[in-house]
Every structure is written in C-alpha cells, then in structure tokens.
Amino acid sequence: MNKILFYAMTGEKMCFQHILLNALDLAAAGAEVQIIFEGASVKLPPVLAQESNKHYLKALETGLIAGVCLACSHAMGVYDANIALGLPMLNDMTGHAGIRAYVEQGWQVVSI
C-alpha cells in the first residue's frame, strides 16, 4: 500500500479533523501514514489534547503524528504547549518541517 504524508497547514480545526479521519482510515487499510503540523496548524495540538479529541488521540496512539514545526510553534506562541504534549519538534528545513526526506523515500504528500 502507499506511503502518505499529511502536511497540515491550516489552523482550522474542522479541516484538520478531516486529515485525522483520512489518516486513520488509510492506516487501517494498511497504508503507511504520517502527519506533520506546519504553519497555522501548530496551534491545534493543545486544543485537540484539551478536548480529548478521540481521532487526535488515536492518531497519537498509533504513531501517525510525525511532529510539529519548531519555527511555527515559536511564531504562533505554542512552542511550550507543544513541547509539554511531548510532540517532536521538526526543524530540518531552516527551522521548519520539510517534506524532502519523505518525497525522496517515495511518500505521497497531501497538503491541506
């Protein structure tokens, strides 16, 4: 099955909810799936954790969350909150979370 990276950019919770639903569905079907929080989406992990969002918690539990952009976490004022959640800080592209390593390994990238 495919390898799919969801590269989340939007800070809209409803849009991200659909990323979670699709990621979980694809993973259940046997795909290798990862999710990266980049851009405004870095504000969502503290919100989803506080709400005990079942899809977010399932994605965490099943190892689908690759991490969160370091630079954007600082810029959006959620660095400490994301660190407190234990999320990996990604900074391989001049402080931001890059996709090159995934593309080089044949991953399909879905950016929303």
N, C-alpha and C. Protein backbone atom coordinates (compact mmCIF):
# COMPACT_ATOMS: atom_id res chain seq x y z
N MET A 1 0.85 -1.20 0.00
CA MET A 1 0.00 0.00 0.00
C MET A 1 0.88 1.24 0.00
N ASN A 2 0.31 2.36 -0.17
CA ASN A 2 1.00 3.64 -0.29
C ASN A 2 1.57 4.16 1.02
N LYS A 3 2.50 5.10 0.87
CA LYS A 3 3.03 5.87 1.99
C LYS A 3 2.53 7.30 1.78
N ILE A 4 1.79 7.81 2.76
CA ILE A 4 1.12 9.10 2.60
C ILE A 4 1.47 10.01 3.78
N LEU A 5 1.95 11.20 3.44
CA LEU A 5 2.25 12.23 4.43
C LEU A 5 1.19 13.30 4.33
N PHE A 6 0.49 13.55 5.43
CA PHE A 6 -0.43 14.68 5.52
C PHE A 6 0.35 15.84 6.12
N TYR A 7 0.53 16.88 5.33
CA TYR A 7 1.29 18.07 5.71
C TYR A 7 0.27 19.16 5.98
N ALA A 8 -0.13 19.26 7.24
CA ALA A 8 -1.22 20.15 7.64
C ALA A 8 -0.72 21.58 7.77
N MET A 9 -1.38 22.51 7.10
CA MET A 9 -1.01 23.92 7.14
C MET A 9 -2.09 24.79 7.80
N THR A 10 -3.32 24.42 7.62
CA THR A 10 -4.42 25.27 8.09
C THR A 10 -4.64 25.11 9.60
N GLY A 11 -5.02 26.20 10.23
CA GLY A 11 -5.32 26.17 11.65
C GLY A 11 -6.80 25.93 11.93
N GLU A 12 -7.55 25.62 10.89
CA GLU A 12 -8.98 25.37 11.08
C GLU A 12 -9.19 23.94 11.57
N LYS A 13 -9.81 23.85 12.73
CA LYS A 13 -9.99 22.54 13.36
C LYS A 13 -10.81 21.58 12.50
N MET A 14 -11.83 22.07 11.84
CA MET A 14 -12.67 21.19 11.02
C MET A 14 -11.87 20.60 9.86
N CYS A 15 -11.03 21.41 9.23
CA CYS A 15 -10.19 20.88 8.14
C CYS A 15 -9.24 19.82 8.69
N PHE A 16 -8.65 20.10 9.84
CA PHE A 16 -7.72 19.13 10.41
C PHE A 16 -8.43 17.86 10.84
N GLN A 17 -9.64 17.98 11.28
CA GLN A 17 -10.43 16.79 11.65
C GLN A 17 -10.51 15.82 10.47
N HIS A 18 -10.64 16.36 9.27
CA HIS A 18 -10.71 15.50 8.09
C HIS A 18 -9.36 14.88 7.75
N ILE A 19 -8.28 15.58 8.07
CA ILE A 19 -6.96 14.97 7.94
C ILE A 19 -6.88 13.76 8.86
N LEU A 20 -7.30 13.94 10.10
CA LEU A 20 -7.26 12.83 11.05
C LEU A 20 -8.11 11.65 10.58
N LEU A 21 -9.32 11.94 10.13
CA LEU A 21 -10.21 10.87 9.67
C LEU A 21 -9.59 10.09 8.51
N ASN A 22 -9.06 10.82 7.53
CA ASN A 22 -8.45 10.16 6.38
C ASN A 22 -7.18 9.41 6.76
N ALA A 23 -6.36 9.99 7.61
CA ALA A 23 -5.13 9.33 8.04
C ALA A 23 -5.44 8.02 8.77
N LEU A 24 -6.41 8.06 9.66
CA LEU A 24 -6.78 6.85 10.40
C LEU A 24 -7.38 5.80 9.47
N ASP A 25 -8.20 6.23 8.53
CA ASP A 25 -8.82 5.31 7.58
C ASP A 25 -7.76 4.65 6.70
N LEU A 26 -6.84 5.43 6.17
CA LEU A 26 -5.78 4.87 5.33
C LEU A 26 -4.87 3.94 6.11
N ALA A 27 -4.53 4.32 7.33
CA ALA A 27 -3.69 3.46 8.17
C ALA A 27 -4.39 2.13 8.46
N ALA A 28 -5.68 2.19 8.73
CA ALA A 28 -6.45 0.96 8.99
C ALA A 28 -6.48 0.05 7.77
N ALA A 29 -6.37 0.65 6.58
CA ALA A 29 -6.38 -0.13 5.34
C ALA A 29 -4.98 -0.63 4.96
N GLY A 30 -3.98 -0.30 5.78
CA GLY A 30 -2.65 -0.81 5.54
C GLY A 30 -1.64 0.18 4.99
N ALA A 31 -2.03 1.42 4.78
CA ALA A 31 -1.09 2.42 4.28
C ALA A 31 -0.16 2.86 5.41
N GLU A 32 1.02 3.29 5.03
CA GLU A 32 1.94 3.91 5.97
C GLU A 32 1.60 5.40 5.95
N VAL A 33 1.26 5.95 7.10
CA VAL A 33 0.75 7.33 7.18
C VAL A 33 1.49 8.11 8.26
N GLN A 34 1.78 9.36 7.95
CA GLN A 34 2.36 10.29 8.91
C GLN A 34 1.66 11.63 8.75
N ILE A 35 1.62 12.38 9.86
CA ILE A 35 1.02 13.72 9.87
C ILE A 35 2.05 14.69 10.43
N ILE A 36 2.23 15.81 9.72
CA ILE A 36 3.09 16.88 10.20
C ILE A 36 2.24 18.13 10.39
N PHE A 37 2.39 18.76 11.57
CA PHE A 37 1.75 20.04 11.84
C PHE A 37 2.72 21.14 11.40
N GLU A 38 2.32 21.97 10.45
CA GLU A 38 3.13 23.06 9.93
C GLU A 38 2.23 24.29 9.82
N GLY A 39 2.82 25.46 9.70
CA GLY A 39 2.02 26.68 9.56
C GLY A 39 1.07 26.87 10.74
N ALA A 40 -0.11 27.36 10.45
CA ALA A 40 -1.09 27.66 11.49
C ALA A 40 -1.60 26.43 12.22
N SER A 41 -1.43 25.26 11.63
CA SER A 41 -1.93 24.03 12.28
C SER A 41 -1.20 23.71 13.58
N VAL A 42 -0.03 24.33 13.81
CA VAL A 42 0.71 24.05 15.05
C VAL A 42 -0.07 24.49 16.29
N LYS A 43 -1.07 25.33 16.10
CA LYS A 43 -1.91 25.77 17.23
C LYS A 43 -2.91 24.69 17.66
N LEU A 44 -3.11 23.67 16.83
CA LEU A 44 -4.17 22.70 17.10
C LEU A 44 -3.84 21.62 18.14
N PRO A 45 -2.62 21.11 18.25
CA PRO A 45 -2.41 20.04 19.23
C PRO A 45 -2.86 20.36 20.65
N PRO A 46 -2.55 21.54 21.20
CA PRO A 46 -3.04 21.82 22.56
C PRO A 46 -4.57 21.84 22.64
N VAL A 47 -5.21 22.34 21.60
CA VAL A 47 -6.68 22.39 21.58
C VAL A 47 -7.26 20.98 21.52
N LEU A 48 -6.73 20.17 20.62
CA LEU A 48 -7.23 18.80 20.46
C LEU A 48 -6.96 17.96 21.70
N ALA A 49 -5.81 18.16 22.32
CA ALA A 49 -5.48 17.43 23.55
C ALA A 49 -6.42 17.84 24.68
N GLN A 50 -6.65 19.13 24.82
CA GLN A 50 -7.54 19.62 25.89
C GLN A 50 -8.95 19.07 25.71
N GLU A 51 -9.39 18.96 24.47
CA GLU A 51 -10.73 18.43 24.19
C GLU A 51 -10.80 16.91 24.25
N SER A 52 -9.64 16.27 24.41
CA SER A 52 -9.56 14.81 24.33
C SER A 52 -10.19 14.32 23.04
N ASN A 53 -9.85 14.99 21.93
CA ASN A 53 -10.37 14.62 20.62
C ASN A 53 -9.99 13.18 20.32
N LYS A 54 -10.99 12.33 20.13
CA LYS A 54 -10.74 10.90 20.00
C LYS A 54 -9.91 10.54 18.77
N HIS A 55 -10.07 11.29 17.69
CA HIS A 55 -9.31 11.00 16.48
C HIS A 55 -7.85 11.42 16.64
N TYR A 56 -7.62 12.55 17.27
CA TYR A 56 -6.27 13.00 17.55
C TYR A 56 -5.57 12.02 18.49
N LEU A 57 -6.25 11.62 19.55
CA LEU A 57 -5.66 10.68 20.50
C LEU A 57 -5.35 9.34 19.84
N LYS A 58 -6.22 8.88 18.95
CA LYS A 58 -5.98 7.63 18.22
C LYS A 58 -4.78 7.77 17.29
N ALA A 59 -4.65 8.92 16.62
CA ALA A 59 -3.50 9.15 15.75
C ALA A 59 -2.21 9.16 16.56
N LEU A 60 -2.23 9.76 17.73
CA LEU A 60 -1.06 9.73 18.61
C LEU A 60 -0.73 8.31 19.03
N GLU A 61 -1.75 7.61 19.48
CA GLU A 61 -1.60 6.24 19.98
C GLU A 61 -1.03 5.29 18.91
N THR A 62 -1.41 5.51 17.67
CA THR A 62 -0.98 4.61 16.60
C THR A 62 0.29 5.11 15.89
N GLY A 63 0.88 6.19 16.40
CA GLY A 63 2.15 6.68 15.86
C GLY A 63 2.06 7.41 14.54
N LEU A 64 0.90 8.01 14.25
CA LEU A 64 0.74 8.71 12.99
C LEU A 64 1.27 10.14 13.02
N ILE A 65 1.49 10.70 14.19
CA ILE A 65 1.96 12.08 14.30
C ILE A 65 3.48 12.10 14.21
N ALA A 66 4.01 12.65 13.11
CA ALA A 66 5.46 12.73 12.93
C ALA A 66 6.05 13.85 13.78
N GLY A 67 5.31 14.95 13.91
CA GLY A 67 5.79 16.06 14.72
C GLY A 67 5.20 17.39 14.32
N VAL A 68 5.80 18.44 14.89
CA VAL A 68 5.30 19.80 14.78
C VAL A 68 6.45 20.72 14.35
N CYS A 69 6.15 21.68 13.52
CA CYS A 69 7.16 22.64 13.08
C CYS A 69 7.67 23.47 14.26
N LEU A 70 8.97 23.47 14.43
CA LEU A 70 9.60 24.22 15.50
C LEU A 70 9.43 25.73 15.31
N ALA A 71 9.78 26.23 14.12
CA ALA A 71 9.71 27.68 13.87
C ALA A 71 8.29 28.21 14.00
N CYS A 72 7.33 27.49 13.45
CA CYS A 72 5.94 27.96 13.51
C CYS A 72 5.38 27.86 14.94
N SER A 73 5.81 26.87 15.69
CA SER A 73 5.38 26.78 17.09
C SER A 73 5.83 28.02 17.86
N HIS A 74 7.07 28.44 17.61
CA HIS A 74 7.56 29.67 18.24
C HIS A 74 6.76 30.87 17.75
N ALA A 75 6.61 30.99 16.43
CA ALA A 75 5.93 32.15 15.84
C ALA A 75 4.48 32.26 16.28
N MET A 76 3.82 31.12 16.49
CA MET A 76 2.41 31.12 16.86
C MET A 76 2.19 31.10 18.38
N GLY A 77 3.29 31.10 19.13
CA GLY A 77 3.19 31.17 20.59
C GLY A 77 2.75 29.88 21.27
N VAL A 78 2.97 28.73 20.62
CA VAL A 78 2.54 27.45 21.20
C VAL A 78 3.70 26.47 21.40
N TYR A 79 4.92 26.97 21.34
CA TYR A 79 6.08 26.10 21.49
C TYR A 79 6.02 25.34 22.82
N ASP A 80 5.87 26.05 23.93
CA ASP A 80 5.86 25.41 25.24
C ASP A 80 4.71 24.40 25.37
N ALA A 81 3.56 24.75 24.85
CA ALA A 81 2.40 23.84 24.92
C ALA A 81 2.65 22.58 24.11
N ASN A 82 3.26 22.71 22.92
CA ASN A 82 3.53 21.53 22.10
C ASN A 82 4.63 20.67 22.71
N ILE A 83 5.63 21.30 23.30
CA ILE A 83 6.68 20.55 24.00
C ILE A 83 6.06 19.79 25.17
N ALA A 84 5.18 20.45 25.92
CA ALA A 84 4.53 19.81 27.08
C ALA A 84 3.73 18.58 26.66
N LEU A 85 3.24 18.57 25.41
CA LEU A 85 2.49 17.42 24.91
C LEU A 85 3.42 16.29 24.48
N GLY A 86 4.71 16.56 24.46
CA GLY A 86 5.68 15.53 24.08
C GLY A 86 5.81 15.33 22.57
N LEU A 87 5.37 16.31 21.81
CA LEU A 87 5.44 16.17 20.35
C LEU A 87 6.83 16.51 19.85
N PRO A 88 7.35 15.72 18.91
CA PRO A 88 8.66 16.03 18.33
C PRO A 88 8.62 17.36 17.60
N MET A 89 9.66 18.16 17.79
CA MET A 89 9.81 19.43 17.08
C MET A 89 10.64 19.17 15.83
N LEU A 90 10.08 19.49 14.68
CA LEU A 90 10.72 19.25 13.40
C LEU A 90 11.31 20.56 12.87
N ASN A 91 12.57 20.50 12.43
CA ASN A 91 13.24 21.73 12.00
C ASN A 91 14.29 21.48 10.92
N ASP A 92 14.07 20.47 10.09
CA ASP A 92 15.08 20.07 9.10
C ASP A 92 15.17 21.00 7.89
N MET A 93 14.29 21.97 7.77
CA MET A 93 14.30 22.89 6.63
C MET A 93 14.38 24.33 7.16
N THR A 94 15.58 24.75 7.49
CA THR A 94 15.83 26.08 8.08
C THR A 94 14.84 26.42 9.19
N GLY A 95 14.67 25.49 10.11
CA GLY A 95 13.81 25.71 11.26
C GLY A 95 12.39 25.21 11.09
N HIS A 96 12.02 24.90 9.87
CA HIS A 96 10.67 24.41 9.59
C HIS A 96 10.68 22.91 9.30
N ALA A 97 9.51 22.33 9.25
CA ALA A 97 9.36 20.90 8.96
C ALA A 97 9.33 20.69 7.45
N GLY A 98 10.36 20.09 6.93
CA GLY A 98 10.45 19.86 5.50
C GLY A 98 9.79 18.56 5.06
N ILE A 99 9.56 18.46 3.76
CA ILE A 99 8.97 17.24 3.20
C ILE A 99 9.94 16.49 2.29
N ARG A 100 11.11 17.07 2.03
CA ARG A 100 12.04 16.47 1.07
C ARG A 100 12.38 15.03 1.41
N ALA A 101 12.70 14.74 2.66
CA ALA A 101 13.06 13.37 3.04
C ALA A 101 11.94 12.39 2.72
N TYR A 102 10.71 12.81 2.92
CA TYR A 102 9.57 11.96 2.61
C TYR A 102 9.45 11.73 1.10
N VAL A 103 9.56 12.81 0.33
CA VAL A 103 9.45 12.71 -1.12
C VAL A 103 10.55 11.81 -1.68
N GLU A 104 11.76 11.96 -1.15
CA GLU A 104 12.88 11.14 -1.60
C GLU A 104 12.66 9.66 -1.32
N GLN A 105 11.83 9.37 -0.33
CA GLN A 105 11.53 7.97 0.01
C GLN A 105 10.23 7.48 -0.62
N GLY A 106 9.68 8.26 -1.55
CA GLY A 106 8.51 7.82 -2.29
C GLY A 106 7.16 8.09 -1.64
N TRP A 107 7.14 8.94 -0.64
CA TRP A 107 5.86 9.26 0.01
C TRP A 107 5.05 10.19 -0.88
N GLN A 108 3.73 10.02 -0.86
CA GLN A 108 2.81 10.96 -1.48
C GLN A 108 2.51 12.03 -0.42
N VAL A 109 2.53 13.29 -0.83
CA VAL A 109 2.30 14.38 0.11
C VAL A 109 0.94 15.00 -0.17
N VAL A 110 0.13 15.09 0.88
CA VAL A 110 -1.16 15.76 0.81
C VAL A 110 -1.06 16.95 1.74
N SER A 111 -1.18 18.15 1.19
CA SER A 111 -1.08 19.36 1.99
C SER A 111 -2.42 20.07 2.01
N ILE A 112 -2.87 20.34 3.22
CA ILE A 112 -4.16 21.00 3.39
C ILE A 112 -3.98 22.15 4.35
